[in-house]
Amino acid sequence: MSGDPTIRLQPHEVALLRGGSRAAVTVAVVALHLRGEVRVWRPGTVRTSGVAAGAGTLPRLTKAVHSALYRPAGMRELLGRRGVSEALGELRGDLVAAGLLRRIPPRRTRAARVLLKSLRAQHPFPAGREGVPSDDILLSVALYGDKALGSLVSRFAGEAGLIGRGGVADEGLPRAWGGGSGGGFTCGAG
């Protein structure tokens, strides 16, 4: 990776640049959902539906999210789970090394802003879900956040707590299942 706006990023990397840790983890959860590997456990929480098929080809963050969901979790809890936070730290480090994030204060660089603008121009918001391939759904969620979640995977996103009052599901879970601090990283508009 380099600061060159022609570089190709994976959707979870684009999401981290646009919206921070929660956005990146949301893309990983949606990727697993589209593969049939996570399901809503109870409103606002998700859990794996078995072994990840082809896990060797998954990005590290997506693998970490899948592994972390052996126990059900809402987004806040998921962000606080060790493997996920470690994968996010590595991802941020890669984006810093690529010149797309500043370490201190943690925010996007000019190169990242140019790249996001270019990606939005190349990949406008889809008119609807019909016929949109999974890869395009993930990129749309990465670029457009809640708007894409609500349009392209609305039922799952709502039930899983990815949009709306997401995170409330962590409240009331037994201590072993919920109550994580989250400690999410966000990119400033910088």
N, C-alpha and C. Protein backbone atom coordinates (compact mmCIF):
# COMPACT_ATOMS: atom_id res chain seq x y z
N MET A 1 0.84 -1.20 0.00
CA MET A 1 0.00 0.00 0.00
C MET A 1 0.88 1.24 0.00
N SER A 2 0.37 2.27 -0.59
CA SER A 2 1.05 3.56 -0.54
C SER A 2 -0.02 4.64 -0.48
N GLY A 3 0.38 5.89 -0.34
CA GLY A 3 -0.56 6.99 -0.29
C GLY A 3 -1.19 7.31 -1.64
N ASP A 4 -0.82 6.61 -2.69
CA ASP A 4 -1.33 6.82 -4.04
C ASP A 4 -2.83 6.53 -4.09
N PRO A 5 -3.65 7.47 -4.59
CA PRO A 5 -5.09 7.26 -4.61
C PRO A 5 -5.55 6.12 -5.53
N THR A 6 -4.64 5.52 -6.30
CA THR A 6 -5.03 4.41 -7.17
C THR A 6 -4.88 3.06 -6.46
N ILE A 7 -4.41 3.04 -5.21
CA ILE A 7 -4.25 1.78 -4.52
C ILE A 7 -5.60 1.11 -4.30
N ARG A 8 -5.56 -0.20 -4.14
CA ARG A 8 -6.80 -0.96 -3.93
C ARG A 8 -6.84 -1.43 -2.48
N LEU A 9 -7.88 -1.03 -1.81
CA LEU A 9 -8.09 -1.43 -0.43
C LEU A 9 -9.24 -2.41 -0.35
N GLN A 10 -9.22 -3.25 0.66
CA GLN A 10 -10.33 -4.14 0.92
C GLN A 10 -11.43 -3.33 1.60
N PRO A 11 -12.68 -3.78 1.50
CA PRO A 11 -13.79 -3.01 2.08
C PRO A 11 -13.63 -2.66 3.56
N HIS A 12 -13.11 -3.58 4.37
CA HIS A 12 -12.95 -3.26 5.79
C HIS A 12 -11.90 -2.17 6.01
N GLU A 13 -10.91 -2.08 5.11
CA GLU A 13 -9.92 -1.00 5.20
C GLU A 13 -10.56 0.34 4.84
N VAL A 14 -11.36 0.33 3.78
CA VAL A 14 -12.08 1.53 3.37
C VAL A 14 -13.00 1.98 4.51
N ALA A 15 -13.69 1.02 5.13
CA ALA A 15 -14.60 1.34 6.23
C ALA A 15 -13.86 1.96 7.40
N LEU A 16 -12.68 1.43 7.73
CA LEU A 16 -11.92 1.99 8.84
C LEU A 16 -11.52 3.44 8.53
N LEU A 17 -11.13 3.69 7.30
CA LEU A 17 -10.78 5.06 6.92
C LEU A 17 -11.99 5.99 6.99
N ARG A 18 -13.14 5.50 6.56
CA ARG A 18 -14.33 6.34 6.54
C ARG A 18 -14.93 6.54 7.92
N GLY A 19 -15.04 5.45 8.67
CA GLY A 19 -15.82 5.54 9.91
C GLY A 19 -15.21 4.95 11.15
N GLY A 20 -13.98 4.49 11.09
CA GLY A 20 -13.33 3.96 12.28
C GLY A 20 -13.56 2.49 12.52
N SER A 21 -13.24 2.07 13.74
CA SER A 21 -13.27 0.66 14.11
C SER A 21 -14.64 0.02 13.95
N ARG A 22 -15.67 0.68 14.43
CA ARG A 22 -17.02 0.11 14.34
C ARG A 22 -17.40 -0.14 12.88
N ALA A 23 -17.07 0.80 12.01
CA ALA A 23 -17.39 0.64 10.58
C ALA A 23 -16.65 -0.55 9.98
N ALA A 24 -15.38 -0.73 10.34
CA ALA A 24 -14.59 -1.85 9.82
C ALA A 24 -15.15 -3.18 10.30
N VAL A 25 -15.51 -3.26 11.59
CA VAL A 25 -16.06 -4.50 12.14
C VAL A 25 -17.44 -4.77 11.54
N THR A 26 -18.22 -3.72 11.30
CA THR A 26 -19.52 -3.89 10.66
C THR A 26 -19.36 -4.54 9.30
N VAL A 27 -18.38 -4.09 8.51
CA VAL A 27 -18.14 -4.69 7.19
C VAL A 27 -17.75 -6.16 7.35
N ALA A 28 -16.94 -6.48 8.34
CA ALA A 28 -16.55 -7.88 8.57
C ALA A 28 -17.77 -8.73 8.93
N VAL A 29 -18.65 -8.20 9.77
CA VAL A 29 -19.87 -8.93 10.16
C VAL A 29 -20.77 -9.14 8.93
N VAL A 30 -20.94 -8.10 8.13
CA VAL A 30 -21.77 -8.22 6.92
C VAL A 30 -21.14 -9.23 5.95
N ALA A 31 -19.82 -9.21 5.81
CA ALA A 31 -19.14 -10.18 4.94
C ALA A 31 -19.45 -11.60 5.39
N LEU A 32 -19.38 -11.84 6.69
CA LEU A 32 -19.68 -13.17 7.22
C LEU A 32 -21.16 -13.52 7.03
N HIS A 33 -22.02 -12.54 7.20
CA HIS A 33 -23.46 -12.76 6.97
C HIS A 33 -23.72 -13.16 5.52
N LEU A 34 -23.10 -12.46 4.58
CA LEU A 34 -23.31 -12.76 3.16
C LEU A 34 -22.79 -14.14 2.79
N ARG A 35 -21.83 -14.64 3.55
CA ARG A 35 -21.29 -15.99 3.35
C ARG A 35 -22.11 -17.04 4.10
N GLY A 36 -23.07 -16.59 4.90
CA GLY A 36 -23.89 -17.51 5.69
C GLY A 36 -23.21 -18.00 6.95
N GLU A 37 -22.23 -17.26 7.44
CA GLU A 37 -21.42 -17.73 8.55
C GLU A 37 -21.68 -17.04 9.88
N VAL A 38 -22.58 -16.06 9.90
CA VAL A 38 -23.06 -15.51 11.16
C VAL A 38 -24.56 -15.34 11.05
N ARG A 39 -25.21 -15.37 12.19
CA ARG A 39 -26.66 -15.20 12.23
C ARG A 39 -27.00 -14.36 13.45
N VAL A 40 -28.19 -13.82 13.43
CA VAL A 40 -28.67 -13.08 14.59
C VAL A 40 -28.99 -14.11 15.67
N TRP A 41 -28.48 -13.88 16.86
CA TRP A 41 -28.72 -14.80 17.97
C TRP A 41 -29.97 -14.38 18.72
N ARG A 42 -29.99 -13.14 19.13
CA ARG A 42 -31.18 -12.50 19.68
C ARG A 42 -31.09 -11.06 19.21
N PRO A 43 -32.15 -10.29 19.26
CA PRO A 43 -32.09 -8.94 18.71
C PRO A 43 -30.88 -8.15 19.23
N GLY A 44 -30.10 -7.65 18.29
CA GLY A 44 -28.93 -6.85 18.64
C GLY A 44 -27.66 -7.62 18.85
N THR A 45 -27.70 -8.94 18.67
CA THR A 45 -26.49 -9.75 18.83
C THR A 45 -26.35 -10.71 17.66
N VAL A 46 -25.11 -11.08 17.39
CA VAL A 46 -24.82 -12.07 16.35
C VAL A 46 -23.93 -13.15 16.92
N ARG A 47 -23.90 -14.26 16.21
CA ARG A 47 -23.08 -15.40 16.63
C ARG A 47 -22.75 -16.20 15.37
N THR A 48 -21.66 -16.95 15.41
CA THR A 48 -21.31 -17.77 14.24
C THR A 48 -22.34 -18.86 14.05
N SER A 49 -22.44 -19.28 12.81
CA SER A 49 -23.34 -20.39 12.50
C SER A 49 -22.53 -21.63 12.15
N GLY A 50 -21.26 -21.64 12.53
CA GLY A 50 -20.40 -22.80 12.29
C GLY A 50 -19.00 -22.38 11.90
N VAL A 51 -18.27 -23.31 11.35
CA VAL A 51 -16.89 -23.10 10.93
C VAL A 51 -16.87 -22.24 9.67
N ALA A 52 -15.93 -21.30 9.62
CA ALA A 52 -15.80 -20.45 8.43
C ALA A 52 -15.23 -21.26 7.28
N ALA A 53 -15.99 -21.38 6.21
CA ALA A 53 -15.53 -22.08 5.01
C ALA A 53 -14.50 -21.21 4.31
N GLY A 54 -13.36 -21.78 3.98
CA GLY A 54 -12.33 -21.01 3.29
C GLY A 54 -11.74 -19.92 4.15
N ALA A 55 -11.63 -20.17 5.47
CA ALA A 55 -11.14 -19.15 6.40
C ALA A 55 -9.75 -18.65 6.03
N GLY A 56 -8.97 -19.48 5.36
CA GLY A 56 -7.63 -19.07 4.98
C GLY A 56 -7.60 -17.90 4.01
N THR A 57 -8.68 -17.69 3.29
CA THR A 57 -8.72 -16.60 2.32
C THR A 57 -9.34 -15.33 2.89
N LEU A 58 -9.87 -15.41 4.10
CA LEU A 58 -10.51 -14.24 4.71
C LEU A 58 -9.47 -13.25 5.22
N PRO A 59 -9.77 -11.95 5.18
CA PRO A 59 -8.87 -10.96 5.79
C PRO A 59 -8.77 -11.22 7.29
N ARG A 60 -7.67 -10.81 7.90
CA ARG A 60 -7.43 -11.07 9.32
C ARG A 60 -8.57 -10.56 10.20
N LEU A 61 -9.07 -9.35 9.93
CA LEU A 61 -10.14 -8.80 10.75
C LEU A 61 -11.40 -9.67 10.66
N THR A 62 -11.74 -10.12 9.48
CA THR A 62 -12.93 -10.96 9.31
C THR A 62 -12.76 -12.28 10.04
N LYS A 63 -11.55 -12.87 9.97
CA LYS A 63 -11.27 -14.10 10.72
C LYS A 63 -11.40 -13.86 12.22
N ALA A 64 -10.87 -12.74 12.69
CA ALA A 64 -10.93 -12.41 14.11
C ALA A 64 -12.37 -12.23 14.58
N VAL A 65 -13.19 -11.56 13.75
CA VAL A 65 -14.60 -11.36 14.09
C VAL A 65 -15.30 -12.72 14.15
N HIS A 66 -15.04 -13.57 13.17
CA HIS A 66 -15.67 -14.90 13.18
C HIS A 66 -15.27 -15.65 14.44
N SER A 67 -14.00 -15.66 14.76
CA SER A 67 -13.53 -16.37 15.96
C SER A 67 -14.15 -15.79 17.23
N ALA A 68 -14.29 -14.48 17.28
CA ALA A 68 -14.84 -13.82 18.47
C ALA A 68 -16.32 -14.11 18.65
N LEU A 69 -16.98 -14.49 17.59
CA LEU A 69 -18.43 -14.70 17.67
C LEU A 69 -18.81 -16.15 18.00
N TYR A 70 -17.86 -16.92 18.56
CA TYR A 70 -18.23 -18.24 19.04
C TYR A 70 -19.21 -18.10 20.21
N ARG A 71 -19.15 -16.93 20.88
CA ARG A 71 -20.16 -16.54 21.86
C ARG A 71 -20.90 -15.35 21.27
N PRO A 72 -22.20 -15.27 21.47
CA PRO A 72 -22.95 -14.15 20.89
C PRO A 72 -22.47 -12.82 21.44
N ALA A 73 -22.57 -11.78 20.61
CA ALA A 73 -22.14 -10.45 21.04
C ALA A 73 -22.87 -9.39 20.24
N GLY A 74 -23.07 -8.26 20.88
CA GLY A 74 -23.49 -7.05 20.20
C GLY A 74 -22.24 -6.34 19.72
N MET A 75 -22.41 -5.28 18.97
CA MET A 75 -21.25 -4.58 18.40
C MET A 75 -20.29 -4.07 19.47
N ARG A 76 -20.80 -3.48 20.52
CA ARG A 76 -19.91 -2.93 21.55
C ARG A 76 -19.05 -4.02 22.17
N GLU A 77 -19.67 -5.15 22.49
CA GLU A 77 -18.92 -6.28 23.06
C GLU A 77 -17.91 -6.80 22.05
N LEU A 78 -18.33 -6.95 20.80
CA LEU A 78 -17.46 -7.47 19.76
C LEU A 78 -16.22 -6.60 19.58
N LEU A 79 -16.40 -5.29 19.59
CA LEU A 79 -15.26 -4.37 19.45
C LEU A 79 -14.25 -4.52 20.59
N GLY A 80 -14.71 -4.95 21.75
CA GLY A 80 -13.84 -5.10 22.90
C GLY A 80 -13.16 -6.45 23.01
N ARG A 81 -13.54 -7.39 22.19
CA ARG A 81 -12.93 -8.72 22.28
C ARG A 81 -11.49 -8.67 21.75
N ARG A 82 -10.62 -9.36 22.47
CA ARG A 82 -9.18 -9.26 22.25
C ARG A 82 -8.73 -9.47 20.81
N GLY A 83 -9.12 -10.56 20.19
CA GLY A 83 -8.68 -10.84 18.82
C GLY A 83 -9.11 -9.76 17.84
N VAL A 84 -10.32 -9.24 18.04
CA VAL A 84 -10.83 -8.19 17.16
C VAL A 84 -10.04 -6.90 17.37
N SER A 85 -9.81 -6.53 18.63
CA SER A 85 -9.06 -5.29 18.88
C SER A 85 -7.62 -5.40 18.38
N GLU A 86 -7.03 -6.59 18.48
CA GLU A 86 -5.67 -6.79 17.94
C GLU A 86 -5.66 -6.67 16.42
N ALA A 87 -6.65 -7.26 15.76
CA ALA A 87 -6.73 -7.17 14.29
C ALA A 87 -6.95 -5.73 13.86
N LEU A 88 -7.77 -4.98 14.60
CA LEU A 88 -7.98 -3.56 14.29
C LEU A 88 -6.69 -2.77 14.47
N GLY A 89 -5.94 -3.07 15.50
CA GLY A 89 -4.65 -2.39 15.71
C GLY A 89 -3.69 -2.65 14.57
N GLU A 90 -3.64 -3.89 14.11
CA GLU A 90 -2.78 -4.23 12.97
C GLU A 90 -3.25 -3.50 11.71
N LEU A 91 -4.55 -3.47 11.50
CA LEU A 91 -5.11 -2.79 10.34
C LEU A 91 -4.80 -1.30 10.37
N ARG A 92 -4.96 -0.67 11.53
CA ARG A 92 -4.60 0.76 11.66
C ARG A 92 -3.12 0.97 11.38
N GLY A 93 -2.28 0.07 11.88
CA GLY A 93 -0.84 0.16 11.63
C GLY A 93 -0.51 0.08 10.15
N ASP A 94 -1.19 -0.82 9.44
CA ASP A 94 -0.99 -0.94 7.99
C ASP A 94 -1.39 0.35 7.27
N LEU A 95 -2.50 0.95 7.70
CA LEU A 95 -2.98 2.17 7.06
C LEU A 95 -2.08 3.37 7.40
N VAL A 96 -1.50 3.37 8.60
CA VAL A 96 -0.52 4.40 8.95
C VAL A 96 0.71 4.25 8.06
N ALA A 97 1.20 3.01 7.93
CA ALA A 97 2.38 2.75 7.10
C ALA A 97 2.12 3.12 5.64
N ALA A 98 0.87 3.00 5.20
CA ALA A 98 0.51 3.33 3.83
C ALA A 98 0.33 4.84 3.63
N GLY A 99 0.41 5.59 4.71
CA GLY A 99 0.24 7.04 4.60
C GLY A 99 -1.22 7.48 4.54
N LEU A 100 -2.14 6.60 4.96
CA LEU A 100 -3.57 6.92 4.90
C LEU A 100 -4.16 7.33 6.24
N LEU A 101 -3.46 7.03 7.32
CA LEU A 101 -3.88 7.43 8.66
C LEU A 101 -2.71 8.08 9.39
N ARG A 102 -3.04 9.06 10.20
CA ARG A 102 -2.05 9.62 11.11
C ARG A 102 -2.17 8.85 12.41
N ARG A 103 -1.04 8.60 13.04
CA ARG A 103 -1.07 7.89 14.31
C ARG A 103 -1.59 8.81 15.41
N ILE A 104 -1.03 10.02 15.48
CA ILE A 104 -1.43 10.98 16.52
C ILE A 104 -1.57 12.34 15.88
N PRO A 105 -2.70 13.01 15.95
CA PRO A 105 -3.97 12.44 16.39
C PRO A 105 -4.48 11.44 15.35
N PRO A 106 -5.20 10.41 15.81
CA PRO A 106 -5.65 9.38 14.86
C PRO A 106 -6.73 9.91 13.93
N ARG A 107 -6.35 10.16 12.69
CA ARG A 107 -7.32 10.63 11.69
C ARG A 107 -6.78 10.38 10.30
N ARG A 108 -7.67 10.56 9.32
CA ARG A 108 -7.31 10.34 7.92
C ARG A 108 -6.30 11.39 7.46
N THR A 109 -5.47 10.98 6.51
CA THR A 109 -4.57 11.91 5.85
C THR A 109 -5.25 12.47 4.61
N ARG A 110 -4.62 13.44 4.00
CA ARG A 110 -5.14 14.00 2.75
C ARG A 110 -5.27 12.90 1.69
N ALA A 111 -4.26 12.03 1.63
CA ALA A 111 -4.29 10.92 0.66
C ALA A 111 -5.52 10.03 0.88
N ALA A 112 -5.89 9.78 2.12
CA ALA A 112 -7.07 8.97 2.42
C ALA A 112 -8.34 9.69 1.99
N ARG A 113 -8.41 10.99 2.22
CA ARG A 113 -9.60 11.75 1.81
C ARG A 113 -9.75 11.72 0.29
N VAL A 114 -8.65 11.86 -0.43
CA VAL A 114 -8.67 11.81 -1.90
C VAL A 114 -9.10 10.41 -2.36
N LEU A 115 -8.57 9.40 -1.73
CA LEU A 115 -8.92 8.02 -2.07
C LEU A 115 -10.41 7.76 -1.85
N LEU A 116 -10.96 8.16 -0.71
CA LEU A 116 -12.38 7.96 -0.42
C LEU A 116 -13.25 8.70 -1.43
N LYS A 117 -12.87 9.92 -1.76
CA LYS A 117 -13.63 10.69 -2.75
C LYS A 117 -13.62 9.99 -4.11
N SER A 118 -12.46 9.49 -4.49
CA SER A 118 -12.32 8.77 -5.75
C SER A 118 -13.15 7.49 -5.76
N LEU A 119 -13.13 6.75 -4.66
CA LEU A 119 -13.91 5.51 -4.58
C LEU A 119 -15.41 5.79 -4.66
N ARG A 120 -15.87 6.87 -4.01
CA ARG A 120 -17.29 7.22 -4.08
C ARG A 120 -17.68 7.60 -5.51
N ALA A 121 -16.78 8.28 -6.22
CA ALA A 121 -17.07 8.65 -7.61
C ALA A 121 -17.12 7.41 -8.51
N GLN A 122 -16.23 6.44 -8.25
CA GLN A 122 -16.18 5.22 -9.06
C GLN A 122 -17.29 4.23 -8.70
N HIS A 123 -17.80 4.32 -7.47
CA HIS A 123 -18.80 3.36 -6.98
C HIS A 123 -19.96 4.12 -6.34
N PRO A 124 -20.82 4.70 -7.18
CA PRO A 124 -21.96 5.44 -6.62
C PRO A 124 -22.89 4.50 -5.83
N PHE A 125 -23.69 5.10 -4.99
CA PHE A 125 -24.61 4.33 -4.15
C PHE A 125 -25.57 3.54 -5.05
N PRO A 126 -25.71 2.23 -4.83
CA PRO A 126 -26.59 1.42 -5.68
C PRO A 126 -28.06 1.81 -5.55
N ALA A 127 -28.78 1.71 -6.63
CA ALA A 127 -30.20 2.08 -6.66
C ALA A 127 -31.06 1.11 -5.84
N GLY A 128 -30.60 -0.12 -5.69
CA GLY A 128 -31.34 -1.12 -4.93
C GLY A 128 -30.51 -2.37 -4.74
N ARG A 129 -31.04 -3.33 -4.01
CA ARG A 129 -30.33 -4.57 -3.68
C ARG A 129 -30.29 -5.55 -4.84
N GLU A 130 -31.32 -5.51 -5.67
CA GLU A 130 -31.46 -6.47 -6.76
C GLU A 130 -30.23 -6.49 -7.66
N GLY A 131 -29.61 -7.69 -7.79
CA GLY A 131 -28.50 -7.88 -8.70
C GLY A 131 -27.17 -7.30 -8.23
N VAL A 132 -27.08 -6.80 -7.01
CA VAL A 132 -25.82 -6.25 -6.51
C VAL A 132 -24.98 -7.38 -5.93
N PRO A 133 -23.79 -7.63 -6.51
CA PRO A 133 -22.95 -8.72 -6.02
C PRO A 133 -22.46 -8.44 -4.58
N SER A 134 -22.14 -9.50 -3.86
CA SER A 134 -21.68 -9.39 -2.47
C SER A 134 -20.52 -8.42 -2.31
N ASP A 135 -19.53 -8.48 -3.21
CA ASP A 135 -18.38 -7.58 -3.11
C ASP A 135 -18.80 -6.12 -3.20
N ASP A 136 -19.78 -5.83 -4.05
CA ASP A 136 -20.27 -4.46 -4.19
C ASP A 136 -21.09 -4.03 -2.97
N ILE A 137 -21.81 -4.98 -2.37
CA ILE A 137 -22.53 -4.67 -1.13
C ILE A 137 -21.53 -4.27 -0.05
N LEU A 138 -20.46 -5.05 0.09
CA LEU A 138 -19.45 -4.75 1.11
C LEU A 138 -18.80 -3.39 0.87
N LEU A 139 -18.46 -3.09 -0.38
CA LEU A 139 -17.85 -1.80 -0.67
C LEU A 139 -18.83 -0.66 -0.41
N SER A 140 -20.09 -0.87 -0.74
CA SER A 140 -21.10 0.16 -0.46
C SER A 140 -21.26 0.39 1.04
N VAL A 141 -21.28 -0.68 1.82
CA VAL A 141 -21.36 -0.54 3.27
C VAL A 141 -20.12 0.19 3.78
N ALA A 142 -18.96 -0.13 3.22
CA ALA A 142 -17.72 0.54 3.63
C ALA A 142 -17.75 2.03 3.31
N LEU A 143 -18.25 2.38 2.13
CA LEU A 143 -18.26 3.77 1.68
C LEU A 143 -19.41 4.61 2.24
N TYR A 144 -20.58 3.98 2.40
CA TYR A 144 -21.79 4.75 2.73
C TYR A 144 -22.41 4.41 4.08
N GLY A 145 -21.85 3.46 4.80
CA GLY A 145 -22.27 3.16 6.17
C GLY A 145 -23.72 2.79 6.33
N ASP A 146 -24.39 3.46 7.30
CA ASP A 146 -25.77 3.12 7.65
C ASP A 146 -26.73 3.20 6.47
N LYS A 147 -26.50 4.14 5.58
CA LYS A 147 -27.37 4.27 4.40
C LYS A 147 -27.36 2.97 3.59
N ALA A 148 -26.18 2.40 3.38
CA ALA A 148 -26.06 1.15 2.63
C ALA A 148 -26.59 -0.03 3.44
N LEU A 149 -26.33 -0.04 4.74
CA LEU A 149 -26.87 -1.12 5.58
C LEU A 149 -28.39 -1.15 5.50
N GLY A 150 -28.99 0.03 5.61
CA GLY A 150 -30.44 0.13 5.59
C GLY A 150 -31.06 -0.21 4.24
N SER A 151 -30.30 -0.04 3.18
CA SER A 151 -30.81 -0.30 1.83
C SER A 151 -30.49 -1.70 1.33
N LEU A 152 -29.29 -2.19 1.64
CA LEU A 152 -28.80 -3.42 1.01
C LEU A 152 -28.91 -4.67 1.88
N VAL A 153 -28.85 -4.52 3.18
CA VAL A 153 -28.98 -5.66 4.10
C VAL A 153 -29.82 -5.24 5.31
N SER A 154 -30.93 -4.57 5.03
CA SER A 154 -31.69 -3.90 6.09
C SER A 154 -32.20 -4.84 7.17
N ARG A 155 -32.77 -5.96 6.80
CA ARG A 155 -33.32 -6.85 7.83
C ARG A 155 -32.23 -7.35 8.76
N PHE A 156 -31.16 -7.89 8.19
CA PHE A 156 -30.05 -8.39 9.01
C PHE A 156 -29.45 -7.26 9.84
N ALA A 157 -29.19 -6.12 9.21
CA ALA A 157 -28.55 -5.00 9.90
C ALA A 157 -29.39 -4.53 11.09
N GLY A 158 -30.69 -4.46 10.92
CA GLY A 158 -31.57 -4.03 12.01
C GLY A 158 -31.61 -5.06 13.12
N GLU A 159 -31.81 -6.33 12.77
CA GLU A 159 -31.91 -7.39 13.77
C GLU A 159 -30.58 -7.62 14.50
N ALA A 160 -29.47 -7.42 13.80
CA ALA A 160 -28.15 -7.64 14.39
C ALA A 160 -27.67 -6.45 15.21
N GLY A 161 -28.38 -5.32 15.15
CA GLY A 161 -27.96 -4.15 15.90
C GLY A 161 -26.87 -3.35 15.22
N LEU A 162 -26.73 -3.53 13.90
CA LEU A 162 -25.71 -2.78 13.16
C LEU A 162 -26.19 -1.37 12.85
N ILE A 163 -27.51 -1.19 12.80
CA ILE A 163 -28.09 0.14 12.63
C ILE A 163 -29.16 0.31 13.70
N GLY A 164 -29.60 1.50 13.88
CA GLY A 164 -30.59 1.76 14.91
C GLY A 164 -29.94 1.83 16.27
N ARG A 165 -30.52 1.16 17.22
CA ARG A 165 -30.02 1.22 18.59
C ARG A 165 -29.02 0.12 18.86
N GLY A 166 -28.13 -0.14 17.92
CA GLY A 166 -27.12 -1.19 18.07
C GLY A 166 -26.30 -0.99 19.33
N GLY A 167 -25.93 -2.08 19.97
CA GLY A 167 -25.11 -2.01 21.16
C GLY A 167 -25.93 -2.16 22.42
N VAL A 168 -27.23 -1.80 22.38
CA VAL A 168 -28.05 -1.95 23.56
C VAL A 168 -28.19 -3.41 23.93
N ALA A 169 -28.05 -4.28 22.97
CA ALA A 169 -28.21 -5.70 23.24
C ALA A 169 -27.15 -6.20 24.21
N ASP A 170 -26.02 -5.53 24.32
CA ASP A 170 -25.00 -5.93 25.27
C ASP A 170 -25.50 -5.79 26.71
N GLU A 171 -26.39 -4.83 26.93
CA GLU A 171 -26.93 -4.62 28.27
C GLU A 171 -27.74 -5.85 28.66
N GLY A 172 -27.53 -6.33 29.85
CA GLY A 172 -28.32 -7.44 30.35
C GLY A 172 -27.78 -8.81 29.96
N LEU A 173 -26.76 -8.88 29.12
CA LEU A 173 -26.17 -10.18 28.82
C LEU A 173 -25.37 -10.62 30.04
N PRO A 174 -25.30 -11.92 30.29
CA PRO A 174 -24.43 -12.38 31.38
C PRO A 174 -23.02 -11.84 31.17
N ARG A 175 -22.32 -11.56 32.25
CA ARG A 175 -21.00 -10.92 32.19
C ARG A 175 -20.07 -11.60 31.19
N ALA A 176 -20.14 -12.91 31.07
CA ALA A 176 -19.26 -13.61 30.13
C ALA A 176 -19.61 -13.31 28.68
N TRP A 177 -20.84 -12.80 28.44
CA TRP A 177 -21.28 -12.54 27.07
C TRP A 177 -21.34 -11.09 26.71
N GLY A 178 -21.36 -10.19 27.64
CA GLY A 178 -21.58 -8.79 27.28
C GLY A 178 -20.85 -7.84 28.19
N GLY A 179 -21.15 -6.57 28.01
CA GLY A 179 -20.60 -5.54 28.87
C GLY A 179 -19.21 -5.10 28.51
N GLY A 180 -18.72 -5.40 27.31
CA GLY A 180 -17.39 -4.96 26.89
C GLY A 180 -17.35 -3.45 26.76
N SER A 181 -16.16 -2.90 26.88
CA SER A 181 -16.04 -1.44 26.84
C SER A 181 -16.05 -0.88 25.44
N GLY A 182 -15.71 -1.68 24.44
CA GLY A 182 -15.72 -1.18 23.06
C GLY A 182 -14.43 -0.50 22.71
N GLY A 183 -14.09 0.59 23.35
CA GLY A 183 -12.84 1.30 23.10
C GLY A 183 -12.57 1.55 21.64
N GLY A 184 -13.58 1.88 20.87
CA GLY A 184 -13.44 2.04 19.43
C GLY A 184 -12.60 3.23 19.01
N PHE A 185 -11.97 3.11 17.88
CA PHE A 185 -11.16 4.15 17.26
C PHE A 185 -12.01 4.80 16.20
N THR A 186 -11.98 6.10 16.12
CA THR A 186 -12.69 6.76 15.03
C THR A 186 -11.74 7.68 14.30
N CYS A 187 -11.96 7.79 13.02
CA CYS A 187 -11.16 8.69 12.20
C CYS A 187 -11.85 10.03 12.17
N GLY A 188 -11.09 11.09 12.42
CA GLY A 188 -11.66 12.43 12.35
C GLY A 188 -11.83 12.84 10.91
N ALA A 189 -12.50 13.94 10.72
CA ALA A 189 -12.73 14.43 9.36
C ALA A 189 -11.48 15.04 8.77
N GLY A 190 -10.45 15.20 9.61
CA GLY A 190 -9.18 15.78 9.36
C GLY A 190 -8.74 16.09 8.06
